[in-house]
Amino acid sequence: MKDLFKFLNILIIASIFQIISSNPSYEDYTFLFLEKFKIGPHSKEINMILNSITSKSILFTNSKRDYSDEIAKKRNSDVLIDKVNFNGEIIPSFPFNLKLDETKLNNPKIQGEFGLGIDNENSNVLVDTLYENKILKEKILEIEVLEENKKDILYLNFAPKINEFTFCDLTSKLDENNFYSEAWICNLSHIVIGSNKGDLAWNNTLETNGKVVFDTRTKYIYIPKDYIKYISTIWSINNDGCKTVLDTENDEKYYKCNLTMEKHIYSMPSIYFIIGGYGYRLKPEELFEKDGEHFISLIRFINEENDLWILGVPFLREYKLLFDYNKTRVGFSGADILNYKEEYQKWIVDNAEKNSKLLSGYSCETIIFIIGTIIGTCIICYVAFWLYRTWRRGNDKYYIHTDEPADKSKHYN
């Protein structure tokens, strides 16, 4: 009886643990942290999310983990930061403005959020504070994603080399009610398919006229559902080995492929995202991950009215981002950056040269003779056809005669 009672207790505890662990947590869609952030006179160490789609800085709290005592009473919402360690770089203490938010999910691994977005009306809290305390010489911040212990960490660089970056200017902002209204938004003009810079399928270039944002909180690349047919056709991915799956909970579609399709997946062409006139390449092996007996795509197709493309960690692993708050632009640094305008014009010129070679072996007089021959042949054919029709109409056997003349009075009274 005692053994049965112990067994039931263990079963109940296990069930409770399963329920708790199965609940969706903030970490499910946020997994890039700024670690070793210390707050308050007692130096409580907390983990902060670096969020590139909002300019707000928020401290999460609840009854079990209350940081209200750490808030300086003199300025209501100021937090006295005792020491900050930005991934190895120690920052002197300074007062920092944070807002408490008790509505966030209770996750002991995450206690706050630093906003890296842009908002012209409300100044960016983190960047402004770093600038005012002379930690930043200019309001420019570089972020880089590096993998450590099978976990992606977002690093901040306070002195980036600007000349190493290509840039895109920000486009018009989204409606203020949109989730990405404070994000860095650039124009996404085209999608180009190709294995490398020297083997681009320009004939498969797709004009999008879309918008693109850079979300440091997501592991996916989000693409509007209108483009799923285009991507599937280019990749030849709709077959017995791969299928499109619907995530009903989030209303998102993605590719799910058998392990036997590995060779096909890694031989598919890359995708170049043309942003601000430059192409940024993502290889297919960077857009799939192994999940048990399948390969799951990190591309998610979503319903998006604004033709908005969202580039998450797969993009950030390949390219450093530079947020220039002074000139309101985004910079990119990494390999396989294509100057789309120059390459596209080169492709047009090369095609024109190939077409011109068809006639390059003939002299000017010969070309004129060929054109004249073609025109003369057309005229002769037309005259012959006209003579044939005239002869046919004049031949009696092609007409049917009636014995009685037509009675016109039946038609005209």
Protein backbone atom coordinates (compact mmCIF):
# COMPACT_ATOMS: atom_id res chain seq x y z
CA MET A 1 0.00 0.00 0.00
CA LYS A 2 2.85 2.38 0.86
CA ASP A 3 4.57 1.56 -2.42
CA LEU A 4 1.36 2.32 -4.29
CA PHE A 5 1.04 5.63 -2.45
CA LYS A 6 4.64 6.56 -3.33
CA PHE A 7 4.02 5.60 -6.93
CA LEU A 8 0.92 7.81 -7.11
CA ASN A 9 2.84 10.73 -5.58
CA ILE A 10 5.62 10.33 -8.12
CA LEU A 11 3.05 10.11 -10.93
CA ILE A 12 1.29 13.29 -9.77
CA ILE A 13 4.57 15.22 -9.45
CA ALA A 14 5.66 14.03 -12.88
CA SER A 15 2.32 15.08 -14.37
CA ILE A 16 2.59 18.55 -12.82
CA PHE A 17 6.14 18.92 -14.10
CA GLN A 18 5.02 17.87 -17.59
CA ILE A 19 2.20 20.41 -17.56
CA ILE A 20 4.53 23.19 -16.43
CA SER A 21 7.24 22.29 -18.92
CA SER A 22 4.72 22.00 -21.77
CA ASN A 23 3.37 25.50 -21.26
CA PRO A 24 4.64 27.91 -23.91
CA SER A 25 7.36 30.07 -22.42
CA TYR A 26 8.90 33.32 -23.52
CA GLU A 27 12.01 31.35 -24.43
CA ASP A 28 10.10 29.46 -27.13
CA TYR A 29 10.40 32.44 -29.43
CA THR A 30 13.12 34.46 -27.72
CA PHE A 31 16.51 32.90 -27.25
CA LEU A 32 19.14 35.61 -27.73
CA PHE A 33 20.25 37.05 -24.41
CA LEU A 34 22.48 39.77 -23.09
CA GLU A 35 23.92 38.02 -20.06
CA LYS A 36 25.67 39.09 -16.84
CA PHE A 37 23.74 42.30 -16.44
CA LYS A 38 23.87 43.46 -12.82
CA ILE A 39 21.29 45.74 -11.32
CA GLY A 40 20.87 47.64 -8.11
CA PRO A 41 23.06 48.27 -5.02
CA HIS A 42 23.09 44.55 -4.21
CA SER A 43 24.29 43.60 -7.71
CA LYS A 44 21.57 41.16 -8.69
CA GLU A 45 22.60 39.47 -11.93
CA ILE A 46 19.86 39.14 -14.53
CA ASN A 47 19.49 38.17 -18.19
CA MET A 48 18.22 40.70 -20.70
CA ILE A 49 16.89 40.12 -24.20
CA LEU A 50 18.28 42.26 -27.02
CA ASN A 51 15.24 43.17 -29.08
CA SER A 52 15.79 44.92 -32.44
CA ILE A 53 12.11 45.57 -33.14
CA THR A 54 11.30 47.86 -30.24
CA SER A 55 12.97 50.86 -28.63
CA LYS A 56 11.51 50.17 -25.19
CA SER A 57 13.55 48.79 -22.28
CA ILE A 58 11.49 46.75 -19.86
CA LEU A 59 12.20 44.89 -16.64
CA PHE A 60 9.97 41.88 -16.02
CA THR A 61 8.83 41.14 -12.49
CA ASN A 62 6.37 39.09 -10.50
CA SER A 63 5.62 38.22 -6.88
CA LYS A 64 8.41 35.62 -6.74
CA ARG A 65 11.02 37.77 -8.39
CA ASP A 66 10.37 41.36 -7.47
CA TYR A 67 12.84 44.06 -8.48
CA SER A 68 10.70 46.94 -7.26
CA ASP A 69 13.12 47.59 -4.41
CA GLU A 70 15.87 48.13 -6.95
CA ILE A 71 14.04 51.08 -8.50
CA ALA A 72 15.50 54.39 -7.39
CA LYS A 73 12.74 56.39 -5.72
CA LYS A 74 14.11 59.78 -6.75
CA ARG A 75 13.25 59.41 -10.43
CA ASN A 76 10.49 56.83 -10.14
CA SER A 77 11.55 54.63 -13.03
CA ASP A 78 15.34 54.86 -12.90
CA VAL A 79 17.32 51.74 -12.14
CA LEU A 80 20.78 52.12 -10.68
CA ILE A 81 23.02 49.77 -12.59
CA ASP A 82 25.86 48.67 -10.36
CA LYS A 83 27.83 46.97 -13.13
CA VAL A 84 27.12 45.88 -16.69
CA ASN A 85 29.06 43.25 -18.58
CA PHE A 86 28.22 43.46 -22.30
CA ASN A 87 29.60 40.03 -23.21
CA GLY A 88 33.05 40.65 -21.84
CA GLU A 89 33.18 44.46 -21.95
CA ILE A 90 32.72 46.00 -18.51
CA ILE A 91 30.67 49.19 -18.51
CA PRO A 92 30.87 51.69 -15.60
CA SER A 93 27.75 52.11 -13.50
CA PHE A 94 25.16 54.68 -14.53
CA PRO A 95 21.46 55.29 -13.93
CA PHE A 96 19.27 53.53 -16.48
CA ASN A 97 15.62 54.06 -17.34
CA LEU A 98 13.56 50.85 -17.29
CA LYS A 99 9.85 50.24 -17.08
CA LEU A 100 8.45 47.44 -14.95
CA ASP A 101 6.09 45.05 -16.69
CA GLU A 102 4.28 42.48 -14.60
CA THR A 103 2.33 41.06 -17.54
CA LYS A 104 5.21 39.06 -19.01
CA LEU A 105 5.42 35.31 -18.59
CA ASN A 106 7.25 34.04 -15.56
CA ASN A 107 10.51 32.67 -16.89
CA PRO A 108 13.41 32.77 -14.41
CA LYS A 109 15.90 32.69 -17.30
CA ILE A 110 14.69 36.03 -18.64
CA GLN A 111 14.21 39.13 -16.50
CA GLY A 112 14.17 42.00 -18.96
CA GLU A 113 14.40 43.36 -22.45
CA PHE A 114 16.64 45.98 -24.06
CA GLY A 115 15.09 47.74 -27.02
CA LEU A 116 17.34 48.26 -30.04
CA GLY A 117 14.60 49.45 -32.38
CA ILE A 118 14.23 52.96 -33.73
CA ASP A 119 11.63 55.49 -32.72
CA ASN A 120 12.06 59.11 -33.76
CA GLU A 121 9.38 60.38 -31.39
CA ASN A 122 10.60 58.56 -28.28
CA SER A 123 14.37 58.36 -27.96
CA ASN A 124 16.00 54.94 -27.81
CA VAL A 125 16.66 54.29 -24.13
CA LEU A 126 19.67 52.00 -24.35
CA VAL A 127 21.61 53.82 -27.07
CA ASP A 128 20.88 57.27 -25.66
CA THR A 129 22.06 56.18 -22.21
CA LEU A 130 25.27 54.68 -23.57
CA TYR A 131 25.90 57.81 -25.62
CA GLU A 132 25.21 60.23 -22.76
CA ASN A 133 27.64 58.30 -20.55
CA LYS A 134 30.29 58.54 -23.30
CA ILE A 135 30.41 54.80 -23.85
CA LEU A 136 29.38 55.32 -27.47
CA LYS A 137 31.25 57.98 -29.44
CA GLU A 138 28.40 58.04 -31.95
CA LYS A 139 24.90 56.63 -31.83
CA ILE A 140 25.98 53.58 -33.80
CA LEU A 141 25.78 50.02 -32.55
CA GLU A 142 26.92 46.78 -34.17
CA ILE A 143 25.41 43.41 -33.31
CA GLU A 144 26.78 39.98 -34.18
CA VAL A 145 25.41 36.50 -33.55
CA LEU A 146 27.87 33.82 -32.46
CA GLU A 147 27.16 30.26 -31.38
CA GLU A 148 28.49 29.21 -28.01
CA ASN A 149 27.72 25.86 -26.39
CA LYS A 150 25.02 25.19 -29.01
CA LYS A 151 23.36 28.47 -28.13
CA ASP A 152 23.19 31.68 -30.14
CA ILE A 153 24.51 34.73 -28.31
CA LEU A 154 24.10 38.30 -29.50
CA TYR A 155 27.22 40.44 -29.08
CA LEU A 156 27.41 44.22 -29.04
CA ASN A 157 30.31 46.14 -30.57
CA PHE A 158 30.64 49.78 -29.48
CA ALA A 159 33.33 50.74 -32.02
CA PRO A 160 32.42 49.21 -35.39
CA LYS A 161 34.41 49.82 -38.59
CA ILE A 162 31.80 51.61 -40.66
CA ASN A 163 33.75 51.36 -43.93
CA GLU A 164 33.30 47.58 -43.89
CA PHE A 165 29.52 47.85 -44.22
CA THR A 166 27.04 48.21 -47.06
CA PHE A 167 23.88 50.14 -46.19
CA CYS A 168 20.19 50.47 -46.83
CA ASP A 169 18.22 53.59 -45.98
CA LEU A 170 15.05 53.14 -43.97
CA THR A 171 11.77 53.15 -45.82
CA SER A 172 8.39 54.41 -44.62
CA LYS A 173 7.32 53.13 -41.22
CA LEU A 174 4.39 50.81 -40.68
CA ASP A 175 1.21 51.83 -38.94
CA GLU A 176 1.81 52.60 -35.26
CA ASN A 177 -0.48 49.73 -34.29
CA ASN A 178 1.66 47.25 -36.20
CA PHE A 179 3.89 44.98 -34.13
CA TYR A 180 6.94 46.12 -36.14
CA SER A 181 6.17 49.85 -36.10
CA GLU A 182 9.43 50.63 -34.23
CA ALA A 183 11.60 48.19 -36.18
CA TRP A 184 14.34 49.03 -38.69
CA ILE A 185 12.53 48.67 -42.03
CA CYS A 186 14.28 48.60 -45.43
CA ASN A 187 13.03 47.98 -48.95
CA LEU A 188 13.34 44.46 -50.33
CA SER A 189 13.29 45.00 -54.08
CA HIS A 190 14.06 41.56 -55.55
CA ILE A 191 14.76 37.91 -54.86
CA VAL A 192 17.51 36.35 -56.98
CA ILE A 193 18.15 32.63 -57.22
CA GLY A 194 21.67 31.33 -57.87
CA SER A 195 24.42 29.09 -56.56
CA ASN A 196 27.01 31.85 -56.43
CA LYS A 197 27.79 35.27 -57.84
CA GLY A 198 29.05 33.82 -61.12
CA ASP A 199 26.03 31.58 -61.66
CA LEU A 200 22.98 33.71 -60.95
CA ALA A 201 19.67 32.80 -62.54
CA TRP A 202 18.69 36.33 -63.49
CA ASN A 203 15.80 34.99 -65.54
CA ASN A 204 14.29 33.76 -62.26
CA THR A 205 14.64 37.13 -60.58
CA LEU A 206 11.44 38.10 -58.80
CA GLU A 207 10.49 41.70 -58.11
CA THR A 208 8.89 41.99 -54.70
CA ASN A 209 8.58 45.68 -53.80
CA GLY A 210 8.36 44.46 -50.22
CA LYS A 211 9.65 45.55 -46.84
CA VAL A 212 12.11 43.73 -44.62
CA VAL A 213 12.82 43.88 -40.87
CA PHE A 214 15.55 42.25 -38.78
CA ASP A 215 14.24 40.41 -35.73
CA THR A 216 16.89 39.26 -33.24
CA ARG A 217 14.32 37.26 -31.30
CA THR A 218 13.33 34.64 -33.87
CA LYS A 219 15.06 31.60 -35.34
CA TYR A 220 13.09 31.81 -38.59
CA ILE A 221 12.90 33.65 -41.89
CA TYR A 222 9.30 34.75 -42.38
CA ILE A 223 8.06 35.15 -45.97
CA PRO A 224 4.55 36.17 -47.13
CA LYS A 225 2.50 33.19 -48.31
CA ASP A 226 2.10 34.73 -51.76
CA TYR A 227 5.68 33.62 -52.54
CA ILE A 228 5.39 29.96 -51.53
CA LYS A 229 4.67 28.81 -55.09
CA TYR A 230 7.70 30.70 -56.41
CA ILE A 231 10.11 29.25 -53.83
CA SER A 232 8.67 25.73 -54.23
CA THR A 233 9.05 25.86 -58.01
CA ILE A 234 12.61 27.17 -57.92
CA TRP A 235 13.67 24.59 -55.36
CA SER A 236 11.63 21.74 -56.96
CA ILE A 237 10.61 20.85 -53.45
CA ASN A 238 7.04 19.65 -53.90
CA ASN A 239 7.54 15.91 -54.36
CA ASP A 240 7.24 12.67 -52.43
CA GLY A 241 10.29 13.49 -50.28
CA CYS A 242 9.17 16.96 -49.18
CA LYS A 243 5.80 18.38 -48.32
CA THR A 244 4.32 21.64 -47.12
CA VAL A 245 3.04 21.46 -43.56
CA LEU A 246 0.62 23.86 -41.87
CA ASP A 247 1.32 24.93 -38.30
CA THR A 248 -2.31 25.46 -37.31
CA GLU A 249 -1.46 27.08 -33.98
CA ASN A 250 0.47 29.94 -35.63
CA ASP A 251 -1.11 29.73 -39.11
CA GLU A 252 2.30 29.26 -40.71
CA LYS A 253 3.45 26.91 -43.45
CA TYR A 254 6.88 25.31 -43.70
CA TYR A 255 8.70 22.51 -45.54
CA LYS A 256 9.13 19.09 -43.99
CA CYS A 257 11.49 16.74 -45.84
CA ASN A 258 12.60 13.15 -45.34
CA LEU A 259 16.24 12.45 -44.49
CA THR A 260 16.60 10.85 -47.93
CA MET A 261 16.19 14.35 -49.40
CA GLU A 262 19.38 15.66 -47.77
CA LYS A 263 21.39 15.57 -51.00
CA HIS A 264 18.63 17.37 -52.90
CA ILE A 265 18.24 20.05 -50.21
CA TYR A 266 21.93 20.90 -50.12
CA SER A 267 22.16 21.03 -53.91
CA MET A 268 19.37 23.59 -54.22
CA PRO A 269 20.31 27.13 -55.30
CA SER A 270 20.86 29.90 -52.78
CA ILE A 271 18.53 32.84 -52.26
CA TYR A 272 19.80 36.40 -52.55
CA PHE A 273 17.75 39.06 -50.75
CA ILE A 274 18.24 42.35 -52.61
CA ILE A 275 18.16 45.09 -49.97
CA GLY A 276 19.19 48.63 -50.81
CA GLY A 277 20.74 47.53 -54.10
CA TYR A 278 22.90 44.80 -52.54
CA GLY A 279 22.28 41.06 -52.45
CA TYR A 280 22.69 39.05 -49.25
CA ARG A 281 22.96 35.31 -49.74
CA LEU A 282 21.46 32.50 -47.68
CA LYS A 283 22.41 28.95 -48.66
CA PRO A 284 19.83 26.12 -48.43
CA GLU A 285 21.85 24.36 -45.71
CA GLU A 286 21.39 27.50 -43.59
CA LEU A 287 17.64 27.35 -44.08
CA PHE A 288 17.01 23.77 -42.91
CA GLU A 289 17.64 21.99 -39.63
CA LYS A 290 17.53 18.31 -38.75
CA ASP A 291 14.65 17.39 -36.47
CA GLY A 292 14.51 13.67 -35.72
CA GLU A 293 13.69 11.81 -38.93
CA HIS A 294 13.09 14.96 -40.96
CA PHE A 295 14.62 18.17 -42.21
CA ILE A 296 12.51 21.17 -41.20
CA SER A 297 12.80 24.46 -43.06
CA LEU A 298 13.63 27.61 -41.13
CA ILE A 299 11.55 29.49 -43.69
CA ARG A 300 8.02 30.11 -42.50
CA PHE A 301 5.29 31.35 -44.83
CA ILE A 302 2.84 33.69 -43.13
CA ASN A 303 -0.17 35.87 -43.89
CA GLU A 304 1.21 39.39 -44.20
CA GLU A 305 -0.77 42.28 -45.65
CA ASN A 306 2.19 44.68 -45.78
CA ASP A 307 4.36 42.35 -47.90
CA LEU A 308 6.69 42.25 -44.89
CA TRP A 309 9.66 39.86 -44.81
CA ILE A 310 11.22 39.11 -41.40
CA LEU A 311 14.87 38.04 -41.25
CA GLY A 312 15.83 36.30 -38.03
CA VAL A 313 18.83 34.32 -36.81
CA PRO A 314 19.64 32.45 -40.09
CA PHE A 315 20.37 35.86 -41.61
CA LEU A 316 22.13 37.22 -38.51
CA ARG A 317 24.50 34.25 -38.37
CA GLU A 318 25.83 35.26 -41.80
CA TYR A 319 25.79 39.06 -41.59
CA LYS A 320 26.64 41.55 -38.88
CA LEU A 321 24.14 44.37 -38.49
CA LEU A 322 24.98 47.98 -37.79
CA PHE A 323 22.24 50.27 -36.52
CA ASP A 324 23.04 53.89 -37.32
CA TYR A 325 20.69 56.03 -35.24
CA ASN A 326 22.11 59.31 -36.57
CA LYS A 327 21.57 58.62 -40.26
CA THR A 328 18.66 56.18 -39.77
CA ARG A 329 20.13 53.37 -41.82
CA VAL A 330 21.09 49.73 -41.42
CA GLY A 331 24.53 48.36 -42.33
CA PHE A 332 25.56 44.83 -43.29
CA SER A 333 28.94 43.12 -43.15
CA GLY A 334 29.76 39.56 -44.20
CA ALA A 335 30.65 37.30 -47.10
CA ASP A 336 28.82 36.87 -50.43
CA ILE A 337 27.53 40.43 -50.66
CA LEU A 338 26.47 41.14 -54.23
CA ASN A 339 26.34 44.60 -55.80
CA TYR A 340 23.01 43.93 -57.46
CA LYS A 341 22.92 47.07 -59.60
CA GLU A 342 26.36 46.47 -61.12
CA GLU A 343 25.83 42.73 -61.57
CA TYR A 344 22.38 43.18 -63.10
CA GLN A 345 23.64 45.79 -65.58
CA LYS A 346 26.54 43.48 -66.43
CA TRP A 347 24.07 40.68 -67.13
CA ILE A 348 22.07 42.94 -69.48
CA VAL A 349 25.23 43.97 -71.34
CA ASP A 350 26.43 40.36 -71.60
CA ASN A 351 23.09 39.27 -73.06
CA ALA A 352 23.17 42.13 -75.55
CA GLU A 353 26.66 41.05 -76.61
CA LYS A 354 25.54 37.45 -77.05
CA ASN A 355 22.66 38.55 -79.26
CA SER A 356 24.90 40.81 -81.31
CA LYS A 357 27.27 37.89 -81.99
CA LEU A 358 24.55 36.26 -84.07
CA LEU A 359 25.18 38.94 -86.73
CA SER A 360 28.78 39.73 -85.92
CA GLY A 361 30.13 37.42 -88.68
CA TYR A 362 28.47 39.39 -91.50
CA SER A 363 29.40 42.65 -93.17
CA CYS A 364 26.98 45.60 -93.28
CA GLU A 365 26.22 44.95 -96.99
CA THR A 366 25.50 41.28 -96.31
CA ILE A 367 23.11 42.12 -93.46
CA ILE A 368 21.24 44.60 -95.72
CA PHE A 369 21.06 41.95 -98.47
CA ILE A 370 19.63 39.39 -96.00
CA ILE A 371 16.99 41.82 -94.73
CA GLY A 372 16.08 42.80 -98.33
CA THR A 373 15.76 39.15 -99.32
CA ILE A 374 13.39 38.48 -96.44
CA ILE A 375 11.23 41.51 -97.29
CA GLY A 376 11.23 40.62 -101.03
CA THR A 377 10.19 37.05 -100.28
CA CYS A 378 7.28 38.30 -98.17
CA ILE A 379 6.11 40.59 -101.03
CA ILE A 380 6.30 37.77 -103.60
CA CYS A 381 4.29 35.47 -101.32
CA TYR A 382 1.65 38.13 -100.83
CA VAL A 383 1.30 38.75 -104.62
CA ALA A 384 1.06 35.02 -105.31
CA PHE A 385 -1.66 34.64 -102.69
CA TRP A 386 -3.59 37.60 -104.15
CA LEU A 387 -3.45 36.15 -107.70
CA TYR A 388 -4.62 32.77 -106.44
CA ARG A 389 -7.66 34.28 -104.70
CA THR A 390 -8.56 36.28 -107.83
CA TRP A 391 -8.34 33.18 -110.02
CA ARG A 392 -10.43 31.16 -107.59
CA ARG A 393 -13.24 33.72 -107.51
CA GLY A 394 -13.35 33.93 -111.31
CA ASN A 395 -13.67 30.17 -111.87
CA ASP A 396 -17.40 29.14 -112.42
CA LYS A 397 -17.10 25.75 -110.86
CA TYR A 398 -16.62 27.34 -107.46
CA TYR A 399 -20.09 28.99 -107.66
CA ILE A 400 -23.53 27.44 -107.21
CA HIS A 401 -26.24 28.65 -109.67
CA THR A 402 -30.01 28.50 -108.92
CA ASP A 403 -32.66 27.94 -111.61
CA GLU A 404 -34.79 30.81 -110.46
CA PRO A 405 -33.57 34.38 -109.89
CA ALA A 406 -33.86 35.70 -106.40
CA ASP A 407 -37.13 37.47 -105.59
CA LYS A 408 -35.96 40.77 -104.12
CA SER A 409 -39.50 41.82 -103.34
CA LYS A 410 -39.48 39.42 -100.40
CA HIS A 411 -36.86 41.53 -98.76
CA TYR A 412 -37.75 45.04 -99.89
CA ASN A 413 -41.44 46.01 -99.77
